[in-house]
N, C-alpha and C. Protein backbone atom coordinates (compact mmCIF):
# COMPACT_ATOMS: atom_id res chain seq x y z
N MET A 1 63.51 89.93 92.05
CA MET A 1 64.86 90.14 91.59
C MET A 1 65.85 90.06 92.75
N LEU A 2 65.56 90.81 93.84
CA LEU A 2 66.43 90.78 95.01
C LEU A 2 65.86 89.80 96.02
N LYS A 3 66.56 88.70 96.27
CA LYS A 3 66.01 87.69 97.16
C LYS A 3 66.12 88.14 98.61
N TYR A 4 67.31 88.42 99.07
CA TYR A 4 67.48 88.92 100.42
C TYR A 4 68.86 89.52 100.59
N ASP A 5 69.00 90.28 101.64
CA ASP A 5 70.25 90.90 102.04
C ASP A 5 70.89 91.77 100.96
N PRO A 6 70.13 92.67 100.31
CA PRO A 6 70.75 93.54 99.31
C PRO A 6 71.65 94.57 99.98
N ARG A 7 72.78 94.85 99.37
CA ARG A 7 73.73 95.84 99.88
C ARG A 7 74.07 96.81 98.77
N ILE A 8 74.06 98.08 99.09
CA ILE A 8 74.41 99.08 98.09
C ILE A 8 75.92 99.08 97.90
N ILE A 9 76.34 98.94 96.63
CA ILE A 9 77.77 99.03 96.30
C ILE A 9 78.15 100.49 96.16
N SER A 10 77.40 101.20 95.31
CA SER A 10 77.70 102.59 95.05
C SER A 10 76.58 103.21 94.22
N SER A 11 76.59 104.52 94.11
CA SER A 11 75.69 105.21 93.20
C SER A 11 76.51 106.21 92.40
N CYS A 12 76.10 106.41 91.15
CA CYS A 12 76.86 107.28 90.26
C CYS A 12 75.97 107.70 89.09
N HIS A 13 75.92 108.97 88.77
CA HIS A 13 75.16 109.49 87.63
C HIS A 13 73.69 109.04 87.63
N GLY A 14 73.06 109.03 88.78
CA GLY A 14 71.66 108.66 88.87
C GLY A 14 71.40 107.16 88.87
N LEU A 15 72.46 106.35 88.89
CA LEU A 15 72.32 104.90 88.95
C LEU A 15 72.74 104.41 90.33
N VAL A 16 72.07 103.38 90.82
CA VAL A 16 72.42 102.76 92.09
C VAL A 16 72.73 101.30 91.79
N CYS A 17 73.81 100.78 92.38
CA CYS A 17 74.19 99.38 92.17
C CYS A 17 74.10 98.64 93.49
N PHE A 18 73.32 97.53 93.50
CA PHE A 18 73.15 96.66 94.66
C PHE A 18 73.88 95.34 94.42
N TYR A 19 74.22 94.68 95.51
CA TYR A 19 74.81 93.34 95.45
C TYR A 19 73.96 92.46 96.34
N CYS A 20 73.51 91.32 95.83
CA CYS A 20 72.59 90.48 96.60
C CYS A 20 72.58 89.05 96.06
N TYR A 21 71.79 88.21 96.69
CA TYR A 21 71.56 86.87 96.17
C TYR A 21 70.48 86.94 95.11
N SER A 22 70.62 86.15 94.07
CA SER A 22 69.64 86.11 92.99
C SER A 22 68.41 85.34 93.45
N THR A 23 67.25 85.65 92.85
CA THR A 23 66.03 84.91 93.19
C THR A 23 66.06 83.50 92.62
N ARG A 24 66.91 83.27 91.66
CA ARG A 24 66.98 81.94 91.04
C ARG A 24 67.72 80.92 91.89
N SER A 25 68.61 81.39 92.77
CA SER A 25 69.39 80.48 93.57
C SER A 25 69.80 81.17 94.86
N SER A 26 69.84 80.43 95.94
CA SER A 26 70.24 81.04 97.22
C SER A 26 71.75 81.19 97.33
N THR A 27 72.51 80.62 96.41
CA THR A 27 73.96 80.74 96.46
C THR A 27 74.51 81.61 95.34
N ARG A 28 73.71 81.91 94.35
CA ARG A 28 74.18 82.71 93.22
C ARG A 28 74.06 84.19 93.54
N LYS A 29 75.14 84.92 93.33
CA LYS A 29 75.15 86.35 93.64
C LYS A 29 74.88 87.15 92.37
N ALA A 30 74.30 88.32 92.56
CA ALA A 30 73.96 89.18 91.43
C ALA A 30 74.17 90.64 91.81
N ALA A 31 74.51 91.43 90.81
CA ALA A 31 74.54 92.88 90.96
C ALA A 31 73.35 93.42 90.19
N VAL A 32 72.71 94.41 90.75
CA VAL A 32 71.55 95.02 90.10
C VAL A 32 71.84 96.50 89.93
N ILE A 33 71.81 96.95 88.69
CA ILE A 33 71.98 98.37 88.39
C ILE A 33 70.59 98.95 88.20
N TRP A 34 70.27 99.97 89.00
CA TRP A 34 68.93 100.54 89.01
C TRP A 34 68.99 102.00 88.59
N ASN A 35 68.29 102.33 87.51
CA ASN A 35 68.13 103.71 87.08
C ASN A 35 66.87 104.24 87.75
N ILE A 36 67.05 105.06 88.76
CA ILE A 36 65.93 105.51 89.58
C ILE A 36 64.94 106.34 88.77
N SER A 37 65.44 107.23 87.93
CA SER A 37 64.52 108.12 87.21
C SER A 37 63.72 107.39 86.14
N LEU A 38 64.30 106.37 85.52
CA LEU A 38 63.57 105.60 84.49
C LEU A 38 62.83 104.40 85.07
N ARG A 39 63.11 104.10 86.34
CA ARG A 39 62.51 102.94 87.01
C ARG A 39 62.80 101.64 86.28
N LYS A 40 64.04 101.49 85.84
CA LYS A 40 64.47 100.26 85.16
C LYS A 40 65.68 99.68 85.86
N THR A 41 65.77 98.35 85.79
CA THR A 41 66.90 97.66 86.40
C THR A 41 67.53 96.71 85.40
N VAL A 42 68.81 96.42 85.63
CA VAL A 42 69.53 95.40 84.88
C VAL A 42 70.20 94.51 85.91
N THR A 43 69.96 93.21 85.83
CA THR A 43 70.57 92.25 86.75
C THR A 43 71.75 91.57 86.08
N VAL A 44 72.87 91.52 86.79
CA VAL A 44 74.11 90.95 86.26
C VAL A 44 74.56 89.83 87.18
N ALA A 45 74.73 88.63 86.64
CA ALA A 45 75.27 87.51 87.43
C ALA A 45 76.74 87.79 87.73
N VAL A 46 77.11 87.68 89.00
CA VAL A 46 78.48 87.97 89.41
C VAL A 46 79.24 86.67 89.60
N PRO A 47 80.36 86.49 88.87
CA PRO A 47 81.15 85.28 89.07
C PRO A 47 81.79 85.30 90.46
N THR A 48 81.58 84.25 91.23
CA THR A 48 82.13 84.16 92.58
C THR A 48 82.90 82.86 92.73
N SER A 49 83.54 82.71 93.87
CA SER A 49 84.31 81.51 94.17
C SER A 49 83.93 81.03 95.56
N ASP A 50 83.95 79.72 95.75
CA ASP A 50 83.68 79.17 97.08
C ASP A 50 84.89 79.36 98.01
N ILE A 51 86.06 79.57 97.42
CA ILE A 51 87.29 79.66 98.20
C ILE A 51 87.66 81.10 98.54
N TYR A 52 87.53 82.00 97.57
CA TYR A 52 88.01 83.36 97.74
C TYR A 52 86.87 84.36 97.88
N PRO A 53 87.00 85.31 98.81
CA PRO A 53 85.98 86.35 98.97
C PRO A 53 85.95 87.27 97.75
N THR A 54 84.83 87.96 97.57
CA THR A 54 84.63 88.86 96.44
C THR A 54 84.31 90.26 96.95
N THR A 55 84.89 91.25 96.29
CA THR A 55 84.58 92.65 96.55
C THR A 55 84.18 93.29 95.24
N LEU A 56 83.11 94.09 95.26
CA LEU A 56 82.63 94.75 94.04
C LEU A 56 82.78 96.25 94.14
N GLY A 57 82.97 96.86 92.97
CA GLY A 57 82.97 98.30 92.84
C GLY A 57 82.08 98.68 91.68
N PHE A 58 81.61 99.92 91.65
CA PHE A 58 80.71 100.36 90.60
C PHE A 58 81.01 101.80 90.25
N GLY A 59 80.89 102.11 88.96
CA GLY A 59 81.07 103.48 88.51
C GLY A 59 80.61 103.62 87.07
N VAL A 60 80.65 104.86 86.58
CA VAL A 60 80.28 105.15 85.20
C VAL A 60 81.48 105.80 84.52
N CYS A 61 81.86 105.29 83.36
CA CYS A 61 83.00 105.82 82.61
C CYS A 61 82.68 107.26 82.20
N CYS A 62 83.60 108.19 82.50
CA CYS A 62 83.34 109.59 82.18
C CYS A 62 83.45 109.87 80.68
N GLU A 63 84.14 109.03 79.92
CA GLU A 63 84.28 109.24 78.48
C GLU A 63 83.12 108.67 77.68
N THR A 64 82.64 107.48 78.09
CA THR A 64 81.60 106.80 77.31
C THR A 64 80.24 106.78 77.99
N SER A 65 80.16 107.21 79.25
CA SER A 65 78.95 107.14 80.06
C SER A 65 78.42 105.72 80.19
N ASP A 66 79.31 104.75 80.14
CA ASP A 66 78.95 103.34 80.22
C ASP A 66 79.15 102.84 81.65
N PRO A 67 78.11 102.32 82.32
CA PRO A 67 78.27 101.77 83.66
C PRO A 67 79.19 100.55 83.66
N LYS A 68 80.00 100.46 84.73
CA LYS A 68 80.93 99.34 84.87
C LYS A 68 80.91 98.82 86.29
N ILE A 69 81.03 97.50 86.40
CA ILE A 69 81.14 96.84 87.70
C ILE A 69 82.50 96.18 87.74
N VAL A 70 83.23 96.37 88.82
CA VAL A 70 84.54 95.74 89.00
C VAL A 70 84.41 94.66 90.05
N ASN A 71 84.85 93.45 89.72
CA ASN A 71 84.79 92.29 90.61
C ASN A 71 86.21 91.90 90.96
N ILE A 72 86.54 91.91 92.26
CA ILE A 72 87.88 91.51 92.71
C ILE A 72 87.73 90.33 93.65
N ARG A 73 88.34 89.20 93.27
CA ARG A 73 88.42 88.03 94.15
C ARG A 73 89.82 88.02 94.73
N TYR A 74 89.92 87.81 96.03
CA TYR A 74 91.22 87.94 96.68
C TYR A 74 91.41 86.85 97.72
N ASN A 75 92.65 86.69 98.14
CA ASN A 75 93.01 85.71 99.15
C ASN A 75 92.83 86.37 100.51
N ASP A 76 91.97 85.80 101.33
CA ASP A 76 91.72 86.29 102.68
C ASP A 76 92.65 85.53 103.61
N MET A 77 93.70 86.20 104.07
CA MET A 77 94.74 85.48 104.83
C MET A 77 94.24 84.93 106.16
N TRP A 78 93.10 85.42 106.69
CA TRP A 78 92.60 84.90 107.95
C TRP A 78 91.81 83.61 107.79
N SER A 79 91.23 83.39 106.62
CA SER A 79 90.41 82.20 106.47
C SER A 79 91.09 81.12 105.64
N GLN A 80 92.20 81.43 105.03
CA GLN A 80 92.88 80.47 104.17
C GLN A 80 94.25 80.13 104.77
N ASP A 81 94.29 79.20 105.71
CA ASP A 81 95.53 78.88 106.40
C ASP A 81 96.55 78.16 105.53
N ASN A 82 96.09 77.28 104.67
CA ASN A 82 97.04 76.44 103.92
C ASN A 82 97.15 76.84 102.45
N VAL A 83 96.61 77.98 102.07
CA VAL A 83 96.68 78.41 100.68
C VAL A 83 97.83 79.38 100.52
N THR A 84 98.65 79.14 99.53
CA THR A 84 99.75 80.06 99.28
C THR A 84 99.20 81.35 98.71
N CYS A 85 99.96 82.40 98.82
CA CYS A 85 99.51 83.71 98.37
C CYS A 85 99.32 83.72 96.85
N ILE A 86 98.15 84.07 96.42
CA ILE A 86 97.84 84.16 95.00
C ILE A 86 97.50 85.61 94.67
N PRO A 87 97.73 86.02 93.44
CA PRO A 87 97.36 87.39 93.09
C PRO A 87 95.84 87.54 93.03
N SER A 88 95.39 88.75 93.24
CA SER A 88 93.96 89.02 93.13
C SER A 88 93.50 88.81 91.69
N GLN A 89 92.27 88.37 91.53
CA GLN A 89 91.69 88.19 90.20
C GLN A 89 90.70 89.32 89.98
N VAL A 90 90.89 90.07 88.90
CA VAL A 90 90.07 91.23 88.62
C VAL A 90 89.31 91.02 87.32
N GLU A 91 88.01 91.35 87.35
CA GLU A 91 87.17 91.30 86.15
C GLU A 91 86.33 92.58 86.12
N VAL A 92 86.06 93.06 84.91
CA VAL A 92 85.25 94.26 84.73
C VAL A 92 84.06 93.93 83.83
N PHE A 93 82.86 94.27 84.30
CA PHE A 93 81.65 94.11 83.51
C PHE A 93 81.27 95.47 82.96
N THR A 94 81.12 95.55 81.64
CA THR A 94 80.69 96.78 80.99
C THR A 94 79.28 96.57 80.48
N LEU A 95 78.37 97.46 80.85
CA LEU A 95 76.96 97.27 80.51
C LEU A 95 76.73 97.21 79.00
N SER A 96 77.46 98.01 78.21
CA SER A 96 77.23 98.03 76.76
C SER A 96 77.59 96.71 76.09
N THR A 97 78.59 96.00 76.61
CA THR A 97 78.98 94.72 76.01
C THR A 97 78.25 93.55 76.67
N GLY A 98 77.90 93.71 77.95
CA GLY A 98 77.18 92.65 78.66
C GLY A 98 78.02 91.46 79.04
N VAL A 99 79.35 91.61 79.11
CA VAL A 99 80.22 90.49 79.45
C VAL A 99 81.27 90.93 80.48
N TRP A 100 81.76 89.95 81.22
CA TRP A 100 82.87 90.16 82.15
C TRP A 100 84.17 89.96 81.39
N ARG A 101 85.14 90.85 81.58
CA ARG A 101 86.46 90.72 80.95
C ARG A 101 87.54 91.04 81.97
N SER A 102 88.69 90.40 81.79
CA SER A 102 89.85 90.74 82.61
C SER A 102 90.51 91.98 82.02
N PRO A 103 91.18 92.77 82.86
CA PRO A 103 91.88 93.94 82.32
C PRO A 103 92.87 93.53 81.24
N TYR A 104 93.07 94.41 80.30
CA TYR A 104 93.92 94.09 79.15
C TYR A 104 95.38 93.89 79.52
N SER A 105 95.85 94.57 80.52
CA SER A 105 97.26 94.47 80.90
C SER A 105 97.46 93.33 81.89
N SER A 106 98.51 92.57 81.69
CA SER A 106 98.86 91.53 82.66
C SER A 106 99.89 92.04 83.64
N ASN A 107 100.31 93.29 83.50
CA ASN A 107 101.31 93.89 84.36
C ASN A 107 100.64 94.68 85.48
N LEU A 108 99.75 94.04 86.22
CA LEU A 108 99.04 94.69 87.31
C LEU A 108 99.81 94.53 88.61
N PRO A 109 99.71 95.50 89.52
CA PRO A 109 100.38 95.35 90.81
C PRO A 109 99.80 94.17 91.58
N ARG A 110 100.65 93.39 92.22
CA ARG A 110 100.21 92.18 92.90
C ARG A 110 99.87 92.41 94.37
N LYS A 111 100.52 93.36 95.03
CA LYS A 111 100.34 93.52 96.47
C LYS A 111 99.97 94.95 96.84
N SER A 112 99.29 95.66 95.98
CA SER A 112 98.99 97.06 96.26
C SER A 112 97.66 97.26 96.96
N ILE A 113 96.85 96.23 97.09
CA ILE A 113 95.53 96.37 97.69
C ILE A 113 95.46 95.54 98.96
N TYR A 114 94.97 96.15 100.01
CA TYR A 114 94.76 95.44 101.26
C TYR A 114 93.28 95.52 101.60
N PHE A 115 92.65 94.40 101.82
CA PHE A 115 91.23 94.36 102.15
C PHE A 115 91.08 94.21 103.66
N TYR A 116 90.26 95.07 104.22
CA TYR A 116 90.00 95.03 105.64
C TYR A 116 88.52 94.72 105.86
N ARG A 117 88.26 93.74 106.65
CA ARG A 117 86.88 93.32 106.89
C ARG A 117 86.52 93.60 108.34
N MET A 118 85.47 94.37 108.54
CA MET A 118 85.00 94.64 109.89
C MET A 118 84.04 93.54 110.30
N ILE A 119 84.17 93.08 111.48
CA ILE A 119 83.28 92.03 111.99
C ILE A 119 82.20 92.70 112.82
N ARG A 120 80.95 92.37 112.50
CA ARG A 120 79.82 92.96 113.24
C ARG A 120 79.36 92.05 114.32
């Protein structure tokens, strides 16, 4: 399931979410939600872009107890010299529906998030 370089996104309510390359392809990214106590996993294909970097978040809805993955694709101003500023693209994966959806509101803040990348 996890080909290489798995990274923990977050853990919540006994679930751990990893981000890694899928075993099916060396370029396809996947999120894996792992229920440690039940020893079960769910693999979710993560939509990515060759142009824009991706950041993931993970949590469990306190009202429905439904795990959710948030996918944010953004413009990295250091690597995109000739690309004009575009708004971030946000998608939410809900485990109960099994699909990625954009937030219902189109009135999202455009410049409220700043991504900082540490170089190792």
